[in-house]
Structure formats: C-alpha cells, structure tokens
Amino acid sequence: MGVLAAYRGRKIGFHLLEAVIAATRRRQIEKIELVVRASNQPALALYRKVGFQTEGTKQRGILVDGQYDDLVLMGLFLR
C-alpha cells in the first residue's frame, strides 16, 4: 500500500489501513502481517498507531538504487 506524495498528510493511508483491518476482521482472519522498510518512519509510525507490533528485522533486506535498507516485519493479531 502506498499514497502518492502529493496526497500524504491527509490521513488517506490511515483510512485505507482501517478499511483493510475491518475487511480482514469480517473474513475472520486472525492476523495481518506486513513488511516495511526501516527507513520509512512515517509508515512505521502509522502501523504502530493502529496496533501492529514489530516481530523481527531482516538486515539489509532490500537493495534500491545501490543502497541497502533493513526490512521490518510487523504483525497485528485480530483475535
């Protein structure tokens, strides 16, 4: 999931995430998992705000434009 830069800061990501969580609960799924770049602090803050917890880190898990970044593994139990 991502929000174009021109639309960030308008709580669009928060509302999208709320909709995903609600739809997941309706389907009686027990857990949502995600992976996010460690350098993406706004996304990490959003996921933590809605209750996701860090479950691990994959060091140097992604290489983009010659730069490595860690990947943070997160999960949210719905039951």
Protein backbone atom coordinates (compact mmCIF):
# COMPACT_ATOMS: atom_id res chain seq x y z
CA MET A 1 0.00 0.00 0.00
CA GLY A 2 1.24 3.48 -0.71
CA VAL A 3 0.00 7.03 -1.00
CA LEU A 4 1.32 9.38 -3.66
CA ALA A 5 3.49 12.15 -2.23
CA ALA A 6 1.03 14.86 -3.27
CA TYR A 7 -1.68 13.26 -1.11
CA ARG A 8 0.32 12.43 2.03
CA GLY A 9 -0.55 14.04 5.33
CA ARG A 10 -4.30 13.83 4.70
CA LYS A 11 -4.91 10.61 6.67
CA ILE A 12 -5.56 8.68 3.45
CA GLY A 13 -3.15 5.93 4.48
CA PHE A 14 -4.77 5.70 7.91
CA HIS A 15 -8.24 5.34 6.41
CA LEU A 16 -7.04 2.76 3.89
CA LEU A 17 -5.45 0.77 6.68
CA GLU A 18 -8.61 0.97 8.80
CA ALA A 19 -10.62 -0.37 5.84
CA VAL A 20 -8.19 -3.25 5.33
CA ILE A 21 -8.33 -4.17 9.02
CA ALA A 22 -12.14 -4.04 9.07
CA ALA A 23 -12.42 -6.19 5.93
CA THR A 24 -9.94 -8.67 7.36
CA ARG A 25 -11.93 -8.97 10.59
CA ARG A 26 -15.14 -9.57 8.66
CA ARG A 27 -13.45 -12.50 6.95
CA GLN A 28 -12.46 -13.84 10.38
CA ILE A 29 -8.76 -13.80 9.56
CA GLU A 30 -6.70 -13.93 12.73
CA LYS A 31 -3.61 -11.97 11.79
CA ILE A 32 -2.29 -9.40 9.33
CA GLU A 33 1.41 -9.37 8.52
CA LEU A 34 3.41 -6.80 6.63
CA VAL A 35 6.94 -5.80 5.71
CA VAL A 36 8.10 -2.18 5.64
CA ARG A 37 11.46 -0.52 5.03
CA ALA A 38 13.14 0.54 8.27
CA SER A 39 13.83 3.97 6.78
CA ASN A 40 10.11 4.58 6.20
CA GLN A 41 9.46 6.19 9.58
CA PRO A 42 6.03 7.64 8.70
CA ALA A 43 4.75 4.18 7.71
CA LEU A 44 6.23 2.57 10.83
CA ALA A 45 4.53 5.19 13.00
CA LEU A 46 1.19 4.61 11.23
CA TYR A 47 1.37 0.84 11.63
CA ARG A 48 2.28 1.15 15.31
CA LYS A 49 -0.55 3.64 15.83
CA VAL A 50 -3.14 1.07 14.74
CA GLY A 51 -1.59 -1.70 16.81
CA PHE A 52 0.97 -3.51 14.66
CA GLN A 53 3.96 -4.83 16.57
CA THR A 54 7.48 -5.45 15.34
CA GLU A 55 8.16 -9.16 15.04
CA GLY A 56 11.64 -9.01 13.55
CA THR A 57 14.07 -7.30 11.25
CA LYS A 58 15.68 -8.58 8.09
CA GLN A 59 19.01 -6.80 7.94
CA ARG A 60 19.93 -5.39 4.54
CA GLY A 61 16.76 -6.97 3.23
CA ILE A 62 16.33 -4.72 0.21
CA LEU A 63 18.67 -3.00 -2.23
CA VAL A 64 17.33 0.06 -4.04
CA ASP A 65 19.49 2.37 -6.15
CA GLY A 66 22.66 0.87 -4.67
CA GLN A 67 21.56 1.41 -1.06
CA TYR A 68 20.60 -1.34 1.35
CA ASP A 69 17.78 -0.91 3.84
CA ASP A 70 16.57 -3.18 6.60
CA LEU A 71 13.07 -4.62 6.40
CA VAL A 72 10.86 -4.57 9.49
CA LEU A 73 8.43 -7.48 9.86
CA MET A 74 5.24 -6.48 11.65
CA GLY A 75 2.06 -8.22 12.69
CA LEU A 76 -1.39 -7.41 14.08
CA PHE A 77 -3.44 -10.09 15.81
CA LEU A 78 -7.14 -9.55 15.26
CA ARG A 79 -8.36 -12.12 17.78
